[in-house]
N, C-alpha and C. Protein backbone atom coordinates (compact mmCIF):
# COMPACT_ATOMS: atom_id res chain seq x y z
N UNK A 1 71.27 117.81 129.02
CA UNK A 1 72.06 116.84 127.94
C UNK A 1 72.31 116.63 126.89
N UNK A 2 71.35 117.34 126.44
CA UNK A 2 70.48 117.88 125.06
C UNK A 2 71.77 118.62 124.79
N UNK A 3 71.98 119.46 125.69
CA UNK A 3 73.28 119.55 124.32
C UNK A 3 75.40 119.12 124.64
N UNK A 4 74.80 118.51 125.68
CA UNK A 4 75.96 118.28 125.20
C UNK A 4 76.30 117.07 123.82
N UNK A 5 75.01 116.25 124.13
CA UNK A 5 74.72 115.57 123.13
C UNK A 5 75.46 116.52 121.36
N UNK A 6 74.74 117.25 121.90
CA UNK A 6 74.98 118.90 120.53
C UNK A 6 76.77 118.86 119.95
N UNK A 7 76.76 118.57 121.34
CA UNK A 7 77.95 119.65 121.48
C UNK A 7 79.60 118.31 121.33
N UNK A 8 79.32 117.27 121.11
CA UNK A 8 79.48 115.89 120.15
C UNK A 8 79.58 115.08 119.38
N UNK A 9 78.45 115.67 118.42
CA UNK A 9 78.05 116.14 117.58
C UNK A 9 78.60 116.69 116.29
N UNK A 10 79.12 118.63 117.02
CA UNK A 10 79.82 119.30 116.10
C UNK A 10 80.84 118.61 116.28
N UNK A 11 82.07 118.07 117.93
CA UNK A 11 83.06 117.72 117.49
C UNK A 11 83.12 116.48 116.93
N UNK A 12 82.67 115.02 116.29
CA UNK A 12 82.94 114.43 115.89
C UNK A 12 82.49 115.00 114.22
N UNK A 13 81.58 116.08 113.84
CA UNK A 13 81.72 116.04 112.86
C UNK A 13 83.14 116.93 112.27
N UNK A 14 83.26 118.30 112.72
CA UNK A 14 85.05 118.29 112.92
C UNK A 14 85.36 118.37 112.75
N UNK A 15 85.71 116.56 113.40
CA UNK A 15 87.10 115.85 113.25
C UNK A 15 87.12 114.58 112.27
N UNK A 16 85.71 114.25 112.06
CA UNK A 16 85.37 114.27 110.42
C UNK A 16 86.41 114.67 109.53
N UNK A 17 85.21 115.86 109.31
CA UNK A 17 85.31 117.17 108.22
C UNK A 17 87.15 117.59 108.34
N UNK A 18 88.17 117.43 108.89
CA UNK A 18 89.37 117.47 108.93
C UNK A 18 90.39 116.35 108.30
N UNK A 19 89.42 115.29 109.10
CA UNK A 19 89.92 113.97 108.74
C UNK A 19 89.82 113.57 106.49
N UNK A 20 89.53 113.77 107.20
CA UNK A 20 88.91 114.28 105.55
C UNK A 20 90.45 114.95 103.84
N UNK A 21 90.04 116.29 104.95
CA UNK A 21 90.76 117.15 104.69
C UNK A 21 92.57 117.09 104.58
N UNK A 22 93.09 116.86 105.82
CA UNK A 22 94.00 116.18 104.74
C UNK A 22 94.27 114.78 104.56
N UNK A 23 93.17 113.80 104.89
CA UNK A 23 93.58 113.07 103.30
C UNK A 23 93.81 113.70 102.23
N UNK A 24 92.20 114.60 101.64
CA UNK A 24 92.64 115.34 100.50
C UNK A 24 93.93 115.90 100.29
N UNK A 25 94.76 116.44 101.15
CA UNK A 25 95.61 116.87 100.95
C UNK A 25 96.59 115.92 100.67
N UNK A 26 97.35 115.15 101.14
CA UNK A 26 98.41 114.26 101.12
C UNK A 26 98.72 113.47 102.46
N UNK A 27 98.23 113.91 103.48
CA UNK A 27 98.89 113.41 105.29
C UNK A 27 98.12 112.66 105.31
N UNK A 28 97.43 111.50 105.16
CA UNK A 28 97.16 110.28 105.85
C UNK A 28 98.29 109.67 105.45
N UNK A 29 98.29 108.68 106.59
CA UNK A 29 99.55 108.01 106.33
C UNK A 29 100.82 108.31 105.75
N UNK A 30 101.44 109.20 106.07
CA UNK A 30 103.06 109.68 105.45
C UNK A 30 103.37 108.92 105.74
N UNK A 31 104.25 108.25 105.80
CA UNK A 31 105.46 107.36 106.00
C UNK A 31 104.87 106.59 105.92
N UNK A 32 103.39 106.05 105.84
CA UNK A 32 103.45 105.09 106.27
C UNK A 32 103.25 104.02 104.54
N UNK A 33 103.58 104.21 103.66
CA UNK A 33 103.07 103.93 102.77
C UNK A 33 103.38 102.41 102.35
N UNK A 34 102.52 101.27 101.82
CA UNK A 34 103.16 100.00 101.15
C UNK A 34 104.30 100.12 100.67
N UNK A 35 105.51 99.30 101.34
CA UNK A 35 106.32 99.20 101.14
C UNK A 35 106.42 97.75 99.22
N UNK A 36 107.60 98.17 98.92
CA UNK A 36 107.79 97.01 97.99
C UNK A 36 107.97 95.70 98.97
N UNK A 37 107.28 94.46 98.26
CA UNK A 37 107.85 93.38 99.85
C UNK A 37 109.36 93.38 100.12
N UNK A 38 109.54 92.35 101.03
CA UNK A 38 110.82 92.57 101.37
C UNK A 38 111.12 91.19 100.19
N UNK A 39 110.98 90.72 99.65
CA UNK A 39 111.46 89.96 98.36
C UNK A 39 112.03 90.62 97.39
N UNK A 40 110.64 91.88 97.05
CA UNK A 40 111.53 92.44 95.68
C UNK A 40 111.74 93.73 95.93
N UNK A 41 112.17 93.92 97.55
CA UNK A 41 113.12 94.79 98.20
C UNK A 41 114.52 94.52 97.21
N UNK A 42 114.04 93.32 98.44
CA UNK A 42 116.13 91.94 98.77
C UNK A 42 116.13 92.31 96.81
N UNK A 43 115.70 91.47 96.23
CA UNK A 43 115.66 91.28 94.71
C UNK A 43 116.24 93.31 93.39
N UNK A 44 116.20 93.72 94.00
CA UNK A 44 116.00 94.81 93.36
C UNK A 44 116.88 95.71 93.83
N UNK A 45 117.46 95.55 94.85
CA UNK A 45 118.65 95.12 95.41
C UNK A 45 119.76 94.91 95.04
N UNK A 46 120.11 93.49 94.99
CA UNK A 46 120.55 92.50 94.57
C UNK A 46 120.66 92.60 92.93
N UNK A 47 119.70 93.47 92.46
CA UNK A 47 119.64 93.26 90.49
C UNK A 47 120.47 95.17 90.93
N UNK A 48 120.29 95.63 91.52
CA UNK A 48 121.76 97.15 91.85
C UNK A 48 122.74 96.22 91.30
N UNK A 49 123.23 96.34 92.63
CA UNK A 49 124.16 95.16 92.98
C UNK A 49 125.13 94.92 92.06
N UNK A 50 124.83 94.67 91.13
CA UNK A 50 125.66 94.28 90.06
C UNK A 50 125.67 94.74 89.48
N UNK A 51 125.88 96.34 89.10
CA UNK A 51 126.09 97.19 88.69
C UNK A 51 127.05 98.05 89.07
N UNK A 52 127.66 97.99 90.70
CA UNK A 52 128.84 98.41 91.01
C UNK A 52 130.12 98.80 89.96
N UNK A 53 130.23 99.29 90.56
CA UNK A 53 131.56 99.99 89.28
C UNK A 53 131.04 100.28 88.39
N UNK A 54 130.33 100.44 87.73
CA UNK A 54 129.76 100.54 85.97
C UNK A 54 129.99 102.58 86.95
N UNK A 55 130.51 102.66 85.36
CA UNK A 55 131.02 104.13 85.39
C UNK A 55 129.73 105.09 85.29
N UNK A 56 130.23 106.97 85.39
CA UNK A 56 129.64 107.78 85.68
C UNK A 56 129.45 108.69 84.14
N UNK A 57 128.08 108.77 84.09
CA UNK A 57 128.38 109.96 83.14
C UNK A 57 127.01 110.99 83.04
N UNK A 58 127.29 111.55 82.90
CA UNK A 58 125.58 112.84 83.64
C UNK A 58 125.45 113.72 81.87
N UNK A 59 124.05 112.57 82.08
CA UNK A 59 123.21 113.15 81.05
C UNK A 59 123.23 112.03 79.56
N UNK A 60 123.76 110.73 80.99
CA UNK A 60 123.50 109.18 80.37
C UNK A 60 121.92 109.04 79.30
N UNK A 61 122.76 108.18 78.34
CA UNK A 61 121.51 107.51 77.76
C UNK A 61 120.09 106.78 78.36
N UNK A 62 119.35 106.11 78.70
CA UNK A 62 118.74 105.42 78.71
C UNK A 62 118.74 103.85 78.32
N UNK A 63 119.78 104.37 77.13
CA UNK A 63 119.15 102.86 76.11
C UNK A 63 120.31 102.21 76.60
N UNK A 64 122.17 102.77 77.53
CA UNK A 64 122.49 101.83 77.29
C UNK A 64 122.93 101.45 78.96
N UNK A 65 124.03 100.76 79.18
CA UNK A 65 124.10 100.29 80.87
C UNK A 65 125.66 100.30 80.98
N UNK A 66 126.39 100.56 80.17
CA UNK A 66 127.64 100.35 79.95
C UNK A 66 128.19 101.88 81.08
N UNK A 67 126.90 102.41 80.79
CA UNK A 67 127.40 104.26 82.01
C UNK A 67 126.37 104.63 82.45
N UNK A 68 125.85 104.90 84.11
CA UNK A 68 124.76 105.84 84.03
C UNK A 68 124.52 107.13 84.40
N UNK A 69 123.57 107.75 84.52
CA UNK A 69 123.75 108.73 85.62
C UNK A 69 122.49 108.96 87.10
N UNK A 70 122.02 108.92 87.72
CA UNK A 70 122.02 108.68 88.37
C UNK A 70 120.15 108.53 89.13
N UNK A 71 120.09 109.99 87.66
CA UNK A 71 118.46 108.93 87.24
C UNK A 71 118.38 107.97 86.31
N UNK A 72 119.04 107.70 85.11
CA UNK A 72 118.90 106.68 84.48
C UNK A 72 119.68 104.84 85.38
N UNK A 73 120.00 105.41 85.88
CA UNK A 73 120.25 104.07 87.13
C UNK A 73 118.99 103.66 87.72
N UNK A 74 118.48 104.84 88.62
CA UNK A 74 117.15 104.45 89.60
C UNK A 74 116.25 103.20 87.59
N UNK A 75 116.03 104.46 86.68
CA UNK A 75 115.47 104.20 85.69
C UNK A 75 115.22 102.40 86.06
N UNK A 76 117.18 102.30 84.93
CA UNK A 76 116.83 101.17 84.47
C UNK A 76 115.95 99.76 86.27
N UNK A 77 116.60 100.64 87.13
CA UNK A 77 116.55 99.12 87.89
C UNK A 77 115.41 98.98 88.32
N UNK A 78 114.67 100.14 88.38
CA UNK A 78 113.55 99.61 88.65
C UNK A 78 112.93 99.23 87.43
N UNK A 79 113.07 99.51 86.44
CA UNK A 79 112.24 98.93 85.36
C UNK A 79 112.44 97.55 85.11
N UNK A 80 113.54 96.91 85.77
CA UNK A 80 113.44 95.35 85.70
C UNK A 80 112.61 94.51 85.97
N UNK A 81 111.23 95.48 87.28
CA UNK A 81 110.81 95.11 88.22
C UNK A 81 108.78 95.83 87.84
N UNK A 82 109.22 96.28 87.23
CA UNK A 82 107.66 96.61 86.39
C UNK A 82 107.08 97.24 86.33
N UNK A 83 108.29 98.86 86.80
CA UNK A 83 107.82 100.29 87.13
C UNK A 83 108.63 101.09 85.61
N UNK A 84 107.78 102.32 85.77
CA UNK A 84 108.74 102.45 84.09
C UNK A 84 108.75 104.28 85.56
N UNK A 85 109.45 104.15 85.15
CA UNK A 85 109.90 105.98 85.80
C UNK A 85 110.22 106.40 85.53
N UNK A 86 109.89 107.96 85.65
CA UNK A 86 110.23 109.21 84.54
C UNK A 86 112.10 109.25 83.75
N UNK A 87 112.18 110.39 83.47
CA UNK A 87 113.93 110.59 83.67
C UNK A 87 114.58 110.69 84.91
N UNK A 88 114.15 111.92 85.30
CA UNK A 88 115.19 112.73 85.28
C UNK A 88 114.84 112.33 87.08
N UNK A 89 115.53 112.57 88.41
CA UNK A 89 115.40 112.72 89.72
C UNK A 89 113.79 113.36 89.90
N UNK A 90 114.09 114.66 89.21
CA UNK A 90 113.22 115.28 89.83
C UNK A 90 111.48 114.37 89.49
N UNK A 91 111.79 114.59 88.14
CA UNK A 91 110.10 114.05 87.79
C UNK A 91 110.24 112.97 88.81
N UNK A 92 110.93 111.88 89.48
CA UNK A 92 111.23 110.05 89.76
C UNK A 92 110.95 110.74 91.40
N UNK A 93 111.07 111.91 91.54
CA UNK A 93 110.73 111.98 93.22
C UNK A 93 108.83 113.13 93.39
N UNK A 94 108.48 112.68 92.17
CA UNK A 94 106.69 113.30 91.83
C UNK A 94 106.16 112.25 92.24
N UNK A 95 107.18 110.14 91.84
CA UNK A 95 105.54 109.85 91.88
C UNK A 95 106.12 108.11 93.33
N UNK A 96 104.71 107.88 92.85
CA UNK A 96 104.73 107.00 94.58
C UNK A 96 104.79 108.24 95.23
N UNK A 97 104.61 107.16 96.34
CA UNK A 97 103.47 108.29 98.35
C UNK A 97 105.43 108.36 98.93
N UNK A 98 104.98 109.87 99.55
CA UNK A 98 105.83 109.65 100.55
C UNK A 98 105.50 108.88 101.70
N UNK A 99 107.48 109.46 101.96
CA UNK A 99 107.88 108.52 103.23
C UNK A 99 109.22 109.81 103.39
N UNK A 100 108.44 109.11 105.35
CA UNK A 100 109.31 109.93 105.91
C UNK A 100 111.03 109.81 106.27
N UNK A 101 112.10 110.14 106.56
CA UNK A 101 113.03 109.84 106.91
C UNK A 101 113.78 108.96 106.98
N UNK A 102 112.62 108.35 108.90
CA UNK A 102 112.89 108.26 109.19
C UNK A 102 111.72 106.59 109.62
N UNK A 103 111.34 106.86 108.17
CA UNK A 103 110.42 105.80 108.02
C UNK A 103 110.70 105.32 107.00
N UNK A 104 111.88 105.17 106.09
CA UNK A 104 113.01 104.04 105.16
C UNK A 104 112.88 103.05 105.21
N UNK A 105 112.47 102.49 103.40
CA UNK A 105 112.71 100.81 103.63
C UNK A 105 113.82 100.55 102.77
N UNK A 106 114.06 99.59 102.75
CA UNK A 106 114.45 99.09 101.67
C UNK A 106 114.08 99.29 100.44
N UNK A 107 114.57 99.44 98.65
CA UNK A 107 113.49 99.27 98.07
C UNK A 107 113.73 101.18 97.37
N UNK A 108 113.51 102.01 98.67
CA UNK A 108 112.91 103.84 98.65
C UNK A 108 113.77 104.41 97.51
N UNK A 109 112.88 105.42 96.99
CA UNK A 109 114.05 106.59 96.77
C UNK A 109 114.26 107.62 97.43
N UNK A 110 115.30 107.64 97.84
CA UNK A 110 115.63 109.03 98.48
C UNK A 110 116.76 110.50 97.22
N UNK A 111 115.73 111.60 97.93
CA UNK A 111 116.18 112.72 96.61
C UNK A 111 116.99 113.75 97.47
N UNK A 112 117.61 113.87 96.46
CA UNK A 112 118.69 115.28 96.97
C UNK A 112 118.52 116.95 96.60
N UNK A 113 119.10 117.75 96.94
CA UNK A 113 118.84 119.00 96.46
C UNK A 113 120.49 118.89 95.48
N UNK A 114 120.95 120.10 94.52
CA UNK A 114 122.29 119.96 93.65
C UNK A 114 122.30 120.79 94.43
N UNK A 115 122.74 121.58 95.46
CA UNK A 115 122.96 122.92 95.49
C UNK A 115 123.60 123.28 94.03
N UNK A 116 124.75 123.76 93.03
CA UNK A 116 124.93 124.15 91.79
C UNK A 116 123.76 124.30 90.77
N UNK A 117 122.87 123.55 90.89
CA UNK A 117 122.00 123.60 90.24
C UNK A 117 120.71 124.42 90.88
N UNK A 118 121.55 125.78 91.17
CA UNK A 118 120.04 126.03 92.28
C UNK A 118 118.98 125.25 93.46
N UNK A 119 119.66 124.67 93.89
CA UNK A 119 119.65 124.05 94.83
C UNK A 119 117.73 123.30 94.76
N UNK A 120 117.68 122.40 93.38
CA UNK A 120 116.25 121.82 92.87
C UNK A 120 116.82 120.16 92.63
N UNK A 121 115.63 119.59 93.73
CA UNK A 121 115.79 118.02 93.49
C UNK A 121 117.01 117.59 92.12
N UNK A 122 117.93 116.93 91.86
CA UNK A 122 119.32 116.46 91.47
C UNK A 122 119.47 114.91 91.35
N UNK A 123 119.39 114.96 92.69
CA UNK A 123 119.88 113.25 92.50
C UNK A 123 118.78 112.83 93.17
N UNK A 124 119.13 111.05 93.33
CA UNK A 124 117.96 109.75 93.26
C UNK A 124 119.19 108.27 93.68
N UNK A 125 118.80 107.82 94.39
CA UNK A 125 119.29 106.65 94.58
C UNK A 125 118.54 106.23 95.46
N UNK A 126 118.56 105.07 95.76
CA UNK A 126 117.51 103.23 95.50
C UNK A 126 117.65 103.55 97.80
N UNK A 127 117.51 103.64 98.42
CA UNK A 127 118.09 102.99 99.83
C UNK A 127 117.84 101.69 99.63
N UNK A 128 119.35 101.02 100.88
CA UNK A 128 119.85 99.68 100.86
C UNK A 128 119.49 99.04 102.17
N UNK A 129 118.76 100.42 103.41
CA UNK A 129 118.60 99.93 104.81
C UNK A 129 120.19 100.34 105.51
N UNK A 130 119.73 100.53 106.10
CA UNK A 130 120.95 101.07 107.30
C UNK A 130 122.18 102.32 107.37
N UNK A 131 120.83 103.38 106.98
CA UNK A 131 121.43 104.12 106.58
C UNK A 131 122.26 104.50 105.29
N UNK A 132 122.10 103.15 104.08
CA UNK A 132 122.75 103.58 103.03
C UNK A 132 121.91 103.04 102.05
N UNK A 133 122.68 103.55 100.59
CA UNK A 133 121.78 103.25 99.56
C UNK A 133 122.52 103.05 98.58
N UNK A 134 121.66 102.90 97.18
CA UNK A 134 123.40 102.53 96.18
C UNK A 134 123.10 103.62 95.44
N UNK A 135 123.78 104.28 94.86
CA UNK A 135 122.99 105.24 94.11
C UNK A 135 124.63 104.94 93.06
N UNK A 136 123.88 106.31 91.64
CA UNK A 136 125.82 106.36 91.05
C UNK A 136 126.24 108.20 91.08
N UNK A 137 127.20 108.31 91.54
CA UNK A 137 127.74 109.92 91.36
C UNK A 137 129.27 109.99 91.04
N UNK A 138 130.25 110.84 90.49
CA UNK A 138 131.24 111.17 90.26
C UNK A 138 132.47 110.14 89.62
N UNK A 139 133.37 109.92 91.43
CA UNK A 139 133.86 108.83 90.66
C UNK A 139 133.72 107.69 91.15
N UNK A 140 134.05 106.71 90.50
CA UNK A 140 134.27 104.92 90.97
C UNK A 140 132.56 105.24 90.71
N UNK A 141 131.23 105.94 89.88
CA UNK A 141 130.08 105.70 89.20
C UNK A 141 129.32 105.46 90.19
N UNK A 142 128.99 103.96 90.86
CA UNK A 142 127.49 103.26 90.75
C UNK A 142 128.03 101.93 91.89
N UNK A 143 128.34 103.26 93.18
CA UNK A 143 128.13 102.92 94.83
C UNK A 143 127.77 102.75 95.74
N UNK A 144 127.96 102.28 96.51
CA UNK A 144 126.99 102.61 97.75
C UNK A 144 127.68 103.92 98.17
N UNK A 145 125.90 104.37 99.69
CA UNK A 145 127.19 105.92 100.25
C UNK A 145 126.20 105.61 100.91
N UNK A 146 126.12 105.95 102.32
CA UNK A 146 125.97 106.36 103.54
C UNK A 146 125.51 108.28 103.21
N UNK A 147 123.62 107.83 103.29
CA UNK A 147 123.14 108.71 102.94
C UNK A 147 123.44 110.25 104.42
N UNK A 148 123.98 109.87 105.96
CA UNK A 148 124.33 110.39 106.25
C UNK A 148 125.30 110.93 106.84
N UNK A 149 126.19 111.00 105.88
CA UNK A 149 127.36 111.89 105.57
C UNK A 149 127.61 113.31 105.39
N UNK A 150 127.95 114.36 105.65
CA UNK A 150 128.02 115.69 105.72
C UNK A 150 126.72 116.06 104.45
N UNK A 151 127.20 115.83 103.10
CA UNK A 151 126.85 116.37 101.98
C UNK A 151 126.07 116.09 102.15
N UNK A 152 125.74 114.64 101.92
CA UNK A 152 123.85 114.06 101.36
C UNK A 152 122.43 113.83 102.69
N UNK A 153 123.76 114.38 104.02
CA UNK A 153 122.48 114.88 104.90
C UNK A 153 122.07 116.46 105.00
N UNK A 154 122.97 116.87 104.45
CA UNK A 154 122.98 118.40 104.49
C UNK A 154 121.39 118.35 102.90
N UNK A 155 121.84 117.83 102.14
CA UNK A 155 121.10 117.87 100.78
C UNK A 155 119.51 117.24 100.75
N UNK A 156 120.21 116.45 101.97
CA UNK A 156 118.80 115.58 101.66
C UNK A 156 117.01 116.33 101.77
N UNK A 157 116.24 116.28 100.26
CA UNK A 157 115.09 116.01 100.24
C UNK A 157 113.87 115.59 100.82
N UNK A 158 114.09 114.56 99.81
CA UNK A 158 112.50 113.45 100.06
C UNK A 158 113.11 111.73 99.69
N UNK A 159 112.15 111.27 100.00
CA UNK A 159 111.71 110.34 99.77
C UNK A 159 110.31 109.59 99.16
N UNK A 160 110.75 108.16 98.12
CA UNK A 160 109.37 108.58 97.54
C UNK A 160 109.76 106.81 97.82
N UNK A 161 108.36 106.26 97.73
CA UNK A 161 107.98 104.88 98.20
C UNK A 161 106.77 104.66 96.87
N UNK A 162 107.25 103.11 96.10
CA UNK A 162 106.38 102.10 95.55
C UNK A 162 106.14 101.33 96.09
N UNK A 163 104.67 101.08 95.31
CA UNK A 163 104.14 100.49 96.24
C UNK A 163 103.96 98.45 95.50
N UNK A 164 103.29 98.07 96.28
CA UNK A 164 103.76 96.61 95.95
C UNK A 164 103.01 95.81 95.19
């Protein structure tokens, strides 16, 4: 009986140490980060919709809404809701909490590698639900795209969630 009790204590200690270790490494709750409230996410996407068709310009200034690049667009939209995102997609990919692709919610930032730039994160969009994002790139400027088309699916990198 005493041996069983000691074994149980060791197992509980090991389980606790493992849980603490995974939490410290950022694995706790992966994909379960607090999302923007439904109301805020709806308003954020509705606000982003106002810019549909706004031209794309690589390296666009963050001080204009006449044109955007992908990260100046997300920076502008999120700023309206009190979030001060960094300037580039690569830096924006470090903000908020990781969320798995299978747990995406409206308002999450979705990030993609750009093969022509050495496969680093170089593109960002705002997830709007049903496998779609609003983003800006190339012809047509700000638009909706499926994240499941061949190009975006192949180059999907990660997603981040900014909490409520």
